[in-house]
């Protein structure tokens, strides 16, 4: 179950970032979120790692490392998604 939650949250964050950056260029989207103070630099590094793992799993059928799909990682992804969603709707 944590694996599915991790994947779902990583995909949700990706969609929210696309909306924030008005683009599918993840570098531009993360930069826009940083510039708007929606996420911190630490969040950016964490989100890049998570979204890269999710993308590799989706495209290359690579396994997501078990240490990434933890309750703590899922909770942090949820917090980031909440910050992106709240800040964007304000």
Protein backbone atom coordinates (compact mmCIF):
# COMPACT_ATOMS: atom_id res chain seq x y z
CA UNK A 1 0.00 0.00 0.00
CA UNK A 2 2.74 2.57 0.78
CA UNK A 3 4.13 2.10 -2.74
CA UNK A 4 0.80 3.02 -4.35
CA UNK A 5 0.43 6.00 -2.02
CA UNK A 6 3.95 7.16 -2.83
CA UNK A 7 3.30 6.92 -6.57
CA UNK A 8 -0.05 8.70 -6.25
CA UNK A 9 1.37 11.55 -4.20
CA UNK A 10 4.38 11.99 -6.52
CA UNK A 11 2.01 12.20 -9.50
CA UNK A 12 -0.23 14.68 -7.69
CA UNK A 13 2.76 16.90 -6.88
CA UNK A 14 3.82 16.76 -10.53
CA UNK A 15 0.36 17.90 -11.65
CA UNK A 16 0.28 20.70 -9.09
CA UNK A 17 3.73 21.88 -10.18
CA UNK A 18 2.62 21.89 -13.83
CA UNK A 19 -0.26 24.13 -12.78
CA UNK A 20 1.98 26.42 -10.70
CA UNK A 21 4.55 26.77 -13.49
CA UNK A 22 1.96 26.78 -16.29
CA UNK A 23 4.28 24.37 -18.09
CA UNK A 24 5.34 20.75 -18.18
CA UNK A 25 9.01 21.76 -17.91
CA UNK A 26 9.73 20.54 -14.39
CA UNK A 27 12.76 22.83 -13.95
CA UNK A 28 10.61 25.87 -14.77
CA UNK A 29 7.80 24.65 -12.52
CA UNK A 30 10.07 24.05 -9.55
CA UNK A 31 11.71 27.43 -10.10
CA UNK A 32 8.27 29.10 -10.15
CA UNK A 33 7.27 27.33 -6.93
CA UNK A 34 10.55 28.35 -5.28
CA UNK A 35 10.24 31.95 -6.47
CA UNK A 36 6.71 32.11 -5.08
CA UNK A 37 7.90 30.64 -1.75
CA UNK A 38 5.53 27.69 -2.12
CA UNK A 39 8.36 25.24 -1.44
CA UNK A 40 11.83 25.44 0.09
CA UNK A 41 15.12 24.42 -1.50
CA UNK A 42 15.02 21.26 0.63
CA UNK A 43 11.52 20.51 -0.67
CA UNK A 44 12.76 20.99 -4.22
CA UNK A 45 15.56 18.44 -3.80
CA UNK A 46 13.17 15.98 -2.15
CA UNK A 47 10.50 16.44 -4.84
CA UNK A 48 13.02 15.98 -7.65
CA UNK A 49 14.17 12.71 -6.09
CA UNK A 50 10.62 11.44 -5.62
CA UNK A 51 9.37 12.46 -9.06
CA UNK A 52 12.46 10.99 -10.73
CA UNK A 53 11.83 7.66 -8.98
CA UNK A 54 8.15 7.71 -9.96
CA UNK A 55 8.98 8.56 -13.56
CA UNK A 56 11.58 5.79 -13.84
CA UNK A 57 9.04 3.35 -12.41
CA UNK A 58 6.39 4.46 -14.89
CA UNK A 59 8.55 4.68 -18.02
CA UNK A 60 11.25 2.09 -17.45
CA UNK A 61 9.33 -0.21 -15.10
CA UNK A 62 12.15 0.30 -12.59
CA UNK A 63 11.41 -0.48 -8.95
CA UNK A 64 10.97 2.37 -6.52
CA UNK A 65 13.49 1.94 -3.70
CA UNK A 66 11.75 0.73 -0.56
CA UNK A 67 13.44 3.45 1.49
CA UNK A 68 11.63 6.07 -0.62
CA UNK A 69 8.12 4.67 -0.25
CA UNK A 70 7.97 5.15 3.52
CA UNK A 71 5.24 6.66 5.63
CA UNK A 72 7.52 9.64 6.31
CA UNK A 73 8.13 10.26 2.59
CA UNK A 74 4.44 9.96 1.80
CA UNK A 75 3.60 12.41 4.59
CA UNK A 76 6.20 14.87 3.28
CA UNK A 77 4.83 14.54 -0.27
CA UNK A 78 1.35 15.27 1.10
CA UNK A 79 2.62 18.36 2.93
CA UNK A 80 4.28 19.62 -0.25
CA UNK A 81 1.13 18.96 -2.28
CA UNK A 82 -0.90 20.84 0.33
CA UNK A 83 1.49 23.83 0.22
CA UNK A 84 1.38 23.90 -3.58
CA UNK A 85 -2.39 23.62 -3.66
CA UNK A 86 -3.07 26.21 -0.96
CA UNK A 87 -0.58 28.73 -2.28
CA UNK A 88 -1.83 28.39 -5.84
CA UNK A 89 -5.47 28.88 -4.92
CA UNK A 90 -4.83 31.95 -2.78
